[in-house]
Amino acid sequence: MSADIDVRYWAGARRAAGCEGERLQAETLGDLRALLRARPALARISEVASFLVDGQHAGDSHRLVGGEQVDVLPPFAGGAPTHLLR
């Protein structure tokens, strides 16, 4: 069952998303990553971004229960190969 979560975008992710944040539905963090990857503007960023759930780093298998705040953090200086961010 998908959960309603608040997604906040930071730095390049914010520019790519065209907004500071939005409410989305996903069952796991991996599902959220796939949802974002399906958007052309966020595809590359979603592949290399780190995700925080309520301030804690979390991986793709993290199950979302609803009401969480998920921060999408693109890699910063030296964090990803430049070909992924074109």
PDB file of N, CA and C in Angstrom:
ATOM      1  N   MET A   1       0.847  -1.174   0.000  1.00  0.00           N
ATOM      2  CA  MET A   1       0.000   0.000   0.000  1.00  0.00           C
ATOM      3  C   MET A   1       0.894   1.240   0.000  1.00  0.00           C
ATOM      4  N   SER A   2       0.623   2.164  -0.910  1.00  0.00           N
ATOM      5  CA  SER A   2       1.411   3.391  -1.001  1.00  0.00           C
ATOM      6  C   SER A   2       1.078   4.336   0.136  1.00  0.00           C
ATOM      7  N   ALA A   3       2.072   5.107   0.539  1.00  0.00           N
ATOM      8  CA  ALA A   3       1.918   6.058   1.627  1.00  0.00           C
ATOM      9  C   ALA A   3       2.094   7.475   1.091  1.00  0.00           C
ATOM     10  N   ASP A   4       1.359   8.425   1.655  1.00  0.00           N
ATOM     11  CA  ASP A   4       1.539   9.831   1.328  1.00  0.00           C
ATOM     12  C   ASP A   4       2.766  10.340   2.060  1.00  0.00           C
ATOM     13  N   ILE A   5       3.696  10.923   1.302  1.00  0.00           N
ATOM     14  CA  ILE A   5       4.905  11.473   1.891  1.00  0.00           C
ATOM     15  C   ILE A   5       5.141  12.879   1.350  1.00  0.00           C
ATOM     16  N   ASP A   6       5.810  13.692   2.142  1.00  0.00           N
ATOM     17  CA  ASP A   6       6.201  15.031   1.713  1.00  0.00           C
ATOM     18  C   ASP A   6       7.638  14.958   1.222  1.00  0.00           C
ATOM     19  N   VAL A   7       7.845  15.323  -0.034  1.00  0.00           N
ATOM     20  CA  VAL A   7       9.169  15.276  -0.647  1.00  0.00           C
ATOM     21  C   VAL A   7       9.691  16.698  -0.779  1.00  0.00           C
ATOM     22  N   ARG A   8      10.905  16.921  -0.259  1.00  0.00           N
ATOM     23  CA  ARG A   8      11.561  18.222  -0.410  1.00  0.00           C
ATOM     24  C   ARG A   8      12.792  18.044  -1.283  1.00  0.00           C
ATOM     25  N   TYR A   9      12.959  18.965  -2.210  1.00  0.00           N
ATOM     26  CA  TYR A   9      14.090  18.926  -3.131  1.00  0.00           C
ATOM     27  C   TYR A   9      15.116  19.973  -2.740  1.00  0.00           C
ATOM     28  N   TRP A  10      16.388  19.633  -2.891  1.00  0.00           N
ATOM     29  CA  TRP A  10      17.481  20.532  -2.533  1.00  0.00           C
ATOM     30  C   TRP A  10      18.398  20.739  -3.725  1.00  0.00           C
ATOM     31  N   ALA A  11      18.956  21.942  -3.832  1.00  0.00           N
ATOM     32  CA  ALA A  11      19.978  22.314  -4.815  1.00  0.00           C
ATOM     33  C   ALA A  11      19.518  21.956  -6.239  1.00  0.00           C
ATOM     34  N   GLY A  12      20.319  21.175  -6.969  1.00  0.00           N
ATOM     35  CA  GLY A  12      20.014  20.828  -8.349  1.00  0.00           C
ATOM     36  C   GLY A  12      18.720  20.046  -8.492  1.00  0.00           C
ATOM     37  N   ALA A  13      18.351  19.285  -7.476  1.00  0.00           N
ATOM     38  CA  ALA A  13      17.082  18.552  -7.524  1.00  0.00           C
ATOM     39  C   ALA A  13      15.908  19.535  -7.529  1.00  0.00           C
ATOM     40  N   ARG A  14      16.025  20.609  -6.773  1.00  0.00           N
ATOM     41  CA  ARG A  14      14.975  21.630  -6.727  1.00  0.00           C
ATOM     42  C   ARG A  14      14.840  22.298  -8.089  1.00  0.00           C
ATOM     43  N   ARG A  15      15.971  22.627  -8.702  1.00  0.00           N
ATOM     44  CA  ARG A  15      15.923  23.243 -10.030  1.00  0.00           C
ATOM     45  C   ARG A  15      15.294  22.284 -11.034  1.00  0.00           C
ATOM     46  N   ALA A  16      15.673  21.025 -10.983  1.00  0.00           N
ATOM     47  CA  ALA A  16      15.146  20.038 -11.930  1.00  0.00           C
ATOM     48  C   ALA A  16      13.649  19.798 -11.722  1.00  0.00           C
ATOM     49  N   ALA A  17      13.215  19.757 -10.472  1.00  0.00           N
ATOM     50  CA  ALA A  17      11.804  19.503 -10.165  1.00  0.00           C
ATOM     51  C   ALA A  17      10.944  20.726 -10.458  1.00  0.00           C
ATOM     52  N   GLY A  18      11.549  21.902 -10.387  1.00  0.00           N
ATOM     53  CA  GLY A  18      10.800  23.131 -10.619  1.00  0.00           C
ATOM     54  C   GLY A  18       9.942  23.552  -9.441  1.00  0.00           C
ATOM     55  N   CYS A  19      10.218  22.953  -8.276  1.00  0.00           N
ATOM     56  CA  CYS A  19       9.477  23.307  -7.068  1.00  0.00           C
ATOM     57  C   CYS A  19      10.314  22.917  -5.849  1.00  0.00           C
ATOM     58  N   GLU A  20       9.944  23.482  -4.700  1.00  0.00           N
ATOM     59  CA  GLU A  20      10.662  23.163  -3.464  1.00  0.00           C
ATOM     60  C   GLU A  20      10.286  21.795  -2.924  1.00  0.00           C
ATOM     61  N   GLY A  21       9.063  21.376  -3.186  1.00  0.00           N
ATOM     62  CA  GLY A  21       8.608  20.098  -2.681  1.00  0.00           C
ATOM     63  C   GLY A  21       7.214  19.780  -3.168  1.00  0.00           C
ATOM     64  N   GLU A  22       6.790  18.572  -2.862  1.00  0.00           N
ATOM     65  CA  GLU A  22       5.459  18.123  -3.257  1.00  0.00           C
ATOM     66  C   GLU A  22       5.077  16.901  -2.440  1.00  0.00           C
ATOM     67  N   ARG A  23       3.798  16.566  -2.472  1.00  0.00           N
ATOM     68  CA  ARG A  23       3.311  15.365  -1.795  1.00  0.00           C
ATOM     69  C   ARG A  23       3.180  14.271  -2.850  1.00  0.00           C
ATOM     70  N   LEU A  24       3.791  13.132  -2.574  1.00  0.00           N
ATOM     71  CA  LEU A  24       3.751  11.990  -3.489  1.00  0.00           C
ATOM     72  C   LEU A  24       3.357  10.740  -2.731  1.00  0.00           C
ATOM     73  N   GLN A  25       3.109   9.672  -3.472  1.00  0.00           N
ATOM     74  CA  GLN A  25       2.782   8.381  -2.868  1.00  0.00           C
ATOM     75  C   GLN A  25       3.791   7.343  -3.315  1.00  0.00           C
ATOM     76  N   ALA A  26       4.301   6.586  -2.363  1.00  0.00           N
ATOM     77  CA  ALA A  26       5.236   5.507  -2.654  1.00  0.00           C
ATOM     78  C   ALA A  26       5.202   4.526  -1.489  1.00  0.00           C
ATOM     79  N   GLU A  27       5.517   3.283  -1.797  1.00  0.00           N
ATOM     80  CA  GLU A  27       5.542   2.243  -0.764  1.00  0.00           C
ATOM     81  C   GLU A  27       6.917   2.140  -0.112  1.00  0.00           C
ATOM     82  N   THR A  28       7.959   2.284  -0.930  1.00  0.00           N
ATOM     83  CA  THR A  28       9.334   2.239  -0.427  1.00  0.00           C
ATOM     84  C   THR A  28      10.109   3.413  -1.011  1.00  0.00           C
ATOM     85  N   LEU A  29      11.285   3.643  -0.459  1.00  0.00           N
ATOM     86  CA  LEU A  29      12.135   4.686  -1.005  1.00  0.00           C
ATOM     87  C   LEU A  29      12.564   4.336  -2.429  1.00  0.00           C
ATOM     88  N   GLY A  30      12.757   3.063  -2.709  1.00  0.00           N
ATOM     89  CA  GLY A  30      13.066   2.618  -4.072  1.00  0.00           C
ATOM     90  C   GLY A  30      11.944   2.947  -5.035  1.00  0.00           C
ATOM     91  N   ASP A  31      10.701   2.795  -4.581  1.00  0.00           N
ATOM     92  CA  ASP A  31       9.555   3.158  -5.421  1.00  0.00           C
ATOM     93  C   ASP A  31       9.547   4.658  -5.694  1.00  0.00           C
ATOM     94  N   LEU A  32       9.888   5.449  -4.678  1.00  0.00           N
ATOM     95  CA  LEU A  32       9.959   6.896  -4.868  1.00  0.00           C
ATOM     96  C   LEU A  32      11.056   7.231  -5.872  1.00  0.00           C
ATOM     97  N   ARG A  33      12.218   6.595  -5.737  1.00  0.00           N
ATOM     98  CA  ARG A  33      13.314   6.838  -6.676  1.00  0.00           C
ATOM     99  C   ARG A  33      12.860   6.513  -8.103  1.00  0.00           C
ATOM    100  N   ALA A  34      12.148   5.406  -8.286  1.00  0.00           N
ATOM    101  CA  ALA A  34      11.658   5.027  -9.613  1.00  0.00           C
ATOM    102  C   ALA A  34      10.642   6.039 -10.142  1.00  0.00           C
ATOM    103  N   LEU A  35       9.788   6.527  -9.271  1.00  0.00           N
ATOM    104  CA  LEU A  35       8.806   7.533  -9.650  1.00  0.00           C
ATOM    105  C   LEU A  35       9.516   8.793 -10.148  1.00  0.00           C
ATOM    106  N   LEU A  36      10.539   9.218  -9.437  1.00  0.00           N
ATOM    107  CA  LEU A  36      11.289  10.406  -9.842  1.00  0.00           C
ATOM    108  C   LEU A  36      12.095  10.147 -11.113  1.00  0.00           C
ATOM    109  N   ARG A  37      12.643   8.952 -11.237  1.00  0.00           N
ATOM    110  CA  ARG A  37      13.430   8.593 -12.423  1.00  0.00           C
ATOM    111  C   ARG A  37      12.578   8.619 -13.686  1.00  0.00           C
ATOM    112  N   ALA A  38      11.282   8.411 -13.547  1.00  0.00           N
ATOM    113  CA  ALA A  38      10.373   8.433 -14.701  1.00  0.00           C
ATOM    114  C   ALA A  38      10.144   9.844 -15.233  1.00  0.00           C
ATOM    115  N   ARG A  39      10.537  10.840 -14.471  1.00  0.00           N
ATOM    116  CA  ARG A  39      10.420  12.233 -14.910  1.00  0.00           C
ATOM    117  C   ARG A  39      11.726  12.626 -15.599  1.00  0.00           C
ATOM    118  N   PRO A  40      11.668  12.996 -16.870  1.00  0.00           N
ATOM    119  CA  PRO A  40      12.908  13.307 -17.588  1.00  0.00           C
ATOM    120  C   PRO A  40      13.822  14.302 -16.870  1.00  0.00           C
ATOM    121  N   ALA A  41      13.277  15.336 -16.278  1.00  0.00           N
ATOM    122  CA  ALA A  41      14.101  16.350 -15.622  1.00  0.00           C
ATOM    123  C   ALA A  41      14.800  15.816 -14.373  1.00  0.00           C
ATOM    124  N   LEU A  42      14.245  14.796 -13.747  1.00  0.00           N
ATOM    125  CA  LEU A  42      14.803  14.255 -12.504  1.00  0.00           C
ATOM    126  C   LEU A  42      15.483  12.901 -12.682  1.00  0.00           C
ATOM    127  N   ALA A  43      15.473  12.363 -13.888  1.00  0.00           N
ATOM    128  CA  ALA A  43      15.975  11.005 -14.110  1.00  0.00           C
ATOM    129  C   ALA A  43      17.413  10.828 -13.641  1.00  0.00           C
ATOM    130  N   ARG A  44      18.306  11.670 -14.089  1.00  0.00           N
ATOM    131  CA  ARG A  44      19.726  11.505 -13.725  1.00  0.00           C
ATOM    132  C   ARG A  44      19.963  11.798 -12.250  1.00  0.00           C
ATOM    133  N   ILE A  45      19.322  12.829 -11.756  1.00  0.00           N
ATOM    134  CA  ILE A  45      19.510  13.184 -10.351  1.00  0.00           C
ATOM    135  C   ILE A  45      19.008  12.073  -9.433  1.00  0.00           C
ATOM    136  N   SER A  46      17.871  11.469  -9.767  1.00  0.00           N
ATOM    137  CA  SER A  46      17.317  10.428  -8.899  1.00  0.00           C
ATOM    138  C   SER A  46      18.227   9.210  -8.805  1.00  0.00           C
ATOM    139  N   GLU A  47      19.044   8.980  -9.826  1.00  0.00           N
ATOM    140  CA  GLU A  47      19.956   7.841  -9.815  1.00  0.00           C
ATOM    141  C   GLU A  47      21.116   8.032  -8.842  1.00  0.00           C
ATOM    142  N   VAL A  48      21.503   9.282  -8.603  1.00  0.00           N
ATOM    143  CA  VAL A  48      22.696   9.535  -7.787  1.00  0.00           C
ATOM    144  C   VAL A  48      22.395  10.257  -6.474  1.00  0.00           C
ATOM    145  N   ALA A  49      21.156  10.641  -6.265  1.00  0.00           N
ATOM    146  CA  ALA A  49      20.783  11.402  -5.073  1.00  0.00           C
ATOM    147  C   ALA A  49      20.811  10.537  -3.815  1.00  0.00           C
ATOM    148  N   SER A  50      21.032  11.213  -2.697  1.00  0.00           N
ATOM    149  CA  SER A  50      20.847  10.593  -1.386  1.00  0.00           C
ATOM    150  C   SER A  50      19.458  10.979  -0.901  1.00  0.00           C
ATOM    151  N   PHE A  51      18.866  10.106  -0.109  1.00  0.00           N
ATOM    152  CA  PHE A  51      17.537  10.367   0.425  1.00  0.00           C
ATOM    153  C   PHE A  51      17.586  10.313   1.952  1.00  0.00           C
ATOM    154  N   LEU A  52      16.985  11.309   2.568  1.00  0.00           N
ATOM    155  CA  LEU A  52      16.827  11.326   4.011  1.00  0.00           C
ATOM    156  C   LEU A  52      15.353  11.171   4.329  1.00  0.00           C
ATOM    157  N   VAL A  53      15.029  10.288   5.243  1.00  0.00           N
ATOM    158  CA  VAL A  53      13.647  10.116   5.698  1.00  0.00           C
ATOM    159  C   VAL A  53      13.596  10.629   7.126  1.00  0.00           C
ATOM    160  N   ASP A  54      12.832  11.697   7.308  1.00  0.00           N
ATOM    161  CA  ASP A  54      12.753  12.355   8.616  1.00  0.00           C
ATOM    162  C   ASP A  54      14.146  12.624   9.186  1.00  0.00           C
ATOM    163  N   GLY A  55      15.055  13.096   8.309  1.00  0.00           N
ATOM    164  CA  GLY A  55      16.386  13.491   8.737  1.00  0.00           C
ATOM    165  C   GLY A  55      17.411  12.377   8.822  1.00  0.00           C
ATOM    166  N   GLN A  56      17.024  11.138   8.547  1.00  0.00           N
ATOM    167  CA  GLN A  56      17.936   9.997   8.636  1.00  0.00           C
ATOM    168  C   GLN A  56      18.186   9.406   7.256  1.00  0.00           C
ATOM    169  N   HIS A  57      19.459   9.165   6.944  1.00  0.00           N
ATOM    170  CA  HIS A  57      19.800   8.561   5.656  1.00  0.00           C
ATOM    171  C   HIS A  57      19.107   7.207   5.540  1.00  0.00           C
ATOM    172  N   ALA A  58      18.526   6.936   4.364  1.00  0.00           N
ATOM    173  CA  ALA A  58      17.800   5.675   4.173  1.00  0.00           C
ATOM    174  C   ALA A  58      18.064   5.136   2.772  1.00  0.00           C
ATOM    175  N   GLY A  59      17.983   3.824   2.643  1.00  0.00           N
ATOM    176  CA  GLY A  59      18.198   3.152   1.368  1.00  0.00           C
ATOM    177  C   GLY A  59      16.895   2.807   0.680  1.00  0.00           C
ATOM    178  N   ASP A  60      17.017   2.286  -0.512  1.00  0.00           N
ATOM    179  CA  ASP A  60      15.856   1.994  -1.348  1.00  0.00           C
ATOM    180  C   ASP A  60      14.868   1.016  -0.716  1.00  0.00           C
ATOM    181  N   SER A  61      15.312   0.130   0.151  1.00  0.00           N
ATOM    182  CA  SER A  61      14.403  -0.853   0.750  1.00  0.00           C
ATOM    183  C   SER A  61      13.599  -0.285   1.917  1.00  0.00           C
ATOM    184  N   HIS A  62      13.895   0.954   2.314  1.00  0.00           N
ATOM    185  CA  HIS A  62      13.188   1.574   3.439  1.00  0.00           C
ATOM    186  C   HIS A  62      11.698   1.689   3.127  1.00  0.00           C
ATOM    187  N   ARG A  63      10.866   1.092   3.967  1.00  0.00           N
ATOM    188  CA  ARG A  63       9.408   1.126   3.784  1.00  0.00           C
ATOM    189  C   ARG A  63       8.846   2.430   4.335  1.00  0.00           C
ATOM    190  N   LEU A  64       7.997   3.067   3.550  1.00  0.00           N
ATOM    191  CA  LEU A  64       7.363   4.328   3.934  1.00  0.00           C
ATOM    192  C   LEU A  64       5.981   4.028   4.499  1.00  0.00           C
ATOM    193  N   VAL A  65       5.658   4.642   5.624  1.00  0.00           N
ATOM    194  CA  VAL A  65       4.383   4.357   6.284  1.00  0.00           C
ATOM    195  C   VAL A  65       3.375   5.486   6.144  1.00  0.00           C
ATOM    196  N   GLY A  66       3.842   6.645   5.722  1.00  0.00           N
ATOM    197  CA  GLY A  66       2.955   7.800   5.568  1.00  0.00           C
ATOM    198  C   GLY A  66       3.297   8.897   6.542  1.00  0.00           C
ATOM    199  N   GLY A  67       3.257  10.118   6.055  1.00  0.00           N
ATOM    200  CA  GLY A  67       3.534  11.263   6.889  1.00  0.00           C
ATOM    201  C   GLY A  67       5.005  11.623   7.005  1.00  0.00           C
ATOM    202  N   GLU A  68       5.884  10.803   6.429  1.00  0.00           N
ATOM    203  CA  GLU A  68       7.307  11.116   6.503  1.00  0.00           C
ATOM    204  C   GLU A  68       7.649  12.317   5.619  1.00  0.00           C
ATOM    205  N   GLN A  69       8.775  12.930   5.967  1.00  0.00           N
ATOM    206  CA  GLN A  69       9.362  13.958   5.123  1.00  0.00           C
ATOM    207  C   GLN A  69      10.604  13.357   4.496  1.00  0.00           C
ATOM    208  N   VAL A  70      10.658  13.346   3.179  1.00  0.00           N
ATOM    209  CA  VAL A  70      11.796  12.780   2.459  1.00  0.00           C
ATOM    210  C   VAL A  70      12.528  13.913   1.749  1.00  0.00           C
ATOM    211  N   ASP A  71      13.811  14.053   2.050  1.00  0.00           N
ATOM    212  CA  ASP A  71      14.652  15.049   1.404  1.00  0.00           C
ATOM    213  C   ASP A  71      15.456  14.384   0.296  1.00  0.00           C
ATOM    214  N   VAL A  72      15.443  15.005  -0.880  1.00  0.00           N
ATOM    215  CA  VAL A  72      16.200  14.518  -2.032  1.00  0.00           C
ATOM    216  C   VAL A  72      17.431  15.413  -2.162  1.00  0.00           C
ATOM    217  N   LEU A  73      18.597  14.827  -1.912  1.00  0.00           N
ATOM    218  CA  LEU A  73      19.853  15.573  -1.898  1.00  0.00           C
ATOM    219  C   LEU A  73      20.744  15.109  -3.042  1.00  0.00           C
ATOM    220  N   PRO A  74      20.914  15.949  -4.072  1.00  0.00           N
ATOM    221  CA  PRO A  74      21.830  15.560  -5.143  1.00  0.00           C
ATOM    222  C   PRO A  74      23.257  15.579  -4.613  1.00  0.00           C
ATOM    223  N   PRO A  75      24.144  14.869  -5.279  1.00  0.00           N
ATOM    224  CA  PRO A  75      25.529  14.869  -4.820  1.00  0.00           C
ATOM    225  C   PRO A  75      26.124  16.270  -4.914  1.00  0.00           C
ATOM    226  N   PHE A  76      26.965  16.587  -3.966  1.00  0.00           N
ATOM    227  CA  PHE A  76      27.623  17.883  -3.958  1.00  0.00           C
ATOM    228  C   PHE A  76      29.034  17.707  -4.509  1.00  0.00           C
ATOM    229  N   ALA A  77      29.854  18.685  -4.424  1.00  0.00           N
ATOM    230  CA  ALA A  77      31.183  18.701  -5.028  1.00  0.00           C
ATOM    231  C   ALA A  77      31.860  17.334  -4.977  1.00  0.00           C
ATOM    232  N   GLY A  78      32.152  16.795  -6.143  1.00  0.00           N
ATOM    233  CA  GLY A  78      32.845  15.517  -6.237  1.00  0.00           C
ATOM    234  C   GLY A  78      31.981  14.318  -5.928  1.00  0.00           C
ATOM    235  N   GLY A  79      30.676  14.504  -5.756  1.00  0.00           N
ATOM    236  CA  GLY A  79      29.815  13.416  -5.329  1.00  0.00           C
ATOM    237  C   GLY A  79      29.355  12.467  -6.408  1.00  0.00           C
ATOM    238  N   ALA A  80      29.486  12.860  -7.687  1.00  0.00           N
ATOM    239  CA  ALA A  80      29.030  11.975  -8.762  1.00  0.00           C
ATOM    240  C   ALA A  80      29.814  12.286 -10.027  1.00  0.00           C
ATOM    241  N   PRO A  81      29.952  11.308 -10.880  1.00  0.00           N
ATOM    242  CA  PRO A  81      30.584  11.578 -12.174  1.00  0.00           C
ATOM    243  C   PRO A  81      29.789  12.637 -12.927  1.00  0.00           C
ATOM    244  N   THR A  82      30.484  13.560 -13.550  1.00  0.00           N
ATOM    245  CA  THR A  82      29.806  14.672 -14.210  1.00  0.00           C
ATOM    246  C   THR A  82      28.896  14.224 -15.347  1.00  0.00           C
ATOM    247  N   HIS A  83      29.164  13.093 -15.978  1.00  0.00           N
ATOM    248  CA  HIS A  83      28.317  12.656 -17.090  1.00  0.00           C
ATOM    249  C   HIS A  83      26.896  12.317 -16.607  1.00  0.00           C
ATOM    250  N   LEU A  84      26.719  12.037 -15.343  1.00  0.00           N
ATOM    251  CA  LEU A  84      25.391  11.714 -14.824  1.00  0.00           C
ATOM    252  C   LEU A  84      24.541  12.954 -14.599  1.00  0.00           C
ATOM    253  N   LEU A  85      25.152  14.123 -14.553  1.00  0.00           N
ATOM    254  CA  LEU A  85      24.420  15.336 -14.203  1.00  0.00           C
ATOM    255  C   LEU A  85      24.208  16.253 -15.388  1.00  0.00           C
ATOM    256  N   ARG A  86      24.532  15.840 -16.587  1.00  0.00           N
ATOM    257  CA  ARG A  86      24.301  16.686 -17.772  1.00  0.00           C
ATOM    258  C   ARG A  86      22.851  16.824 -18.079  1.00  0.00           C
TER     259      ARG A  86
END
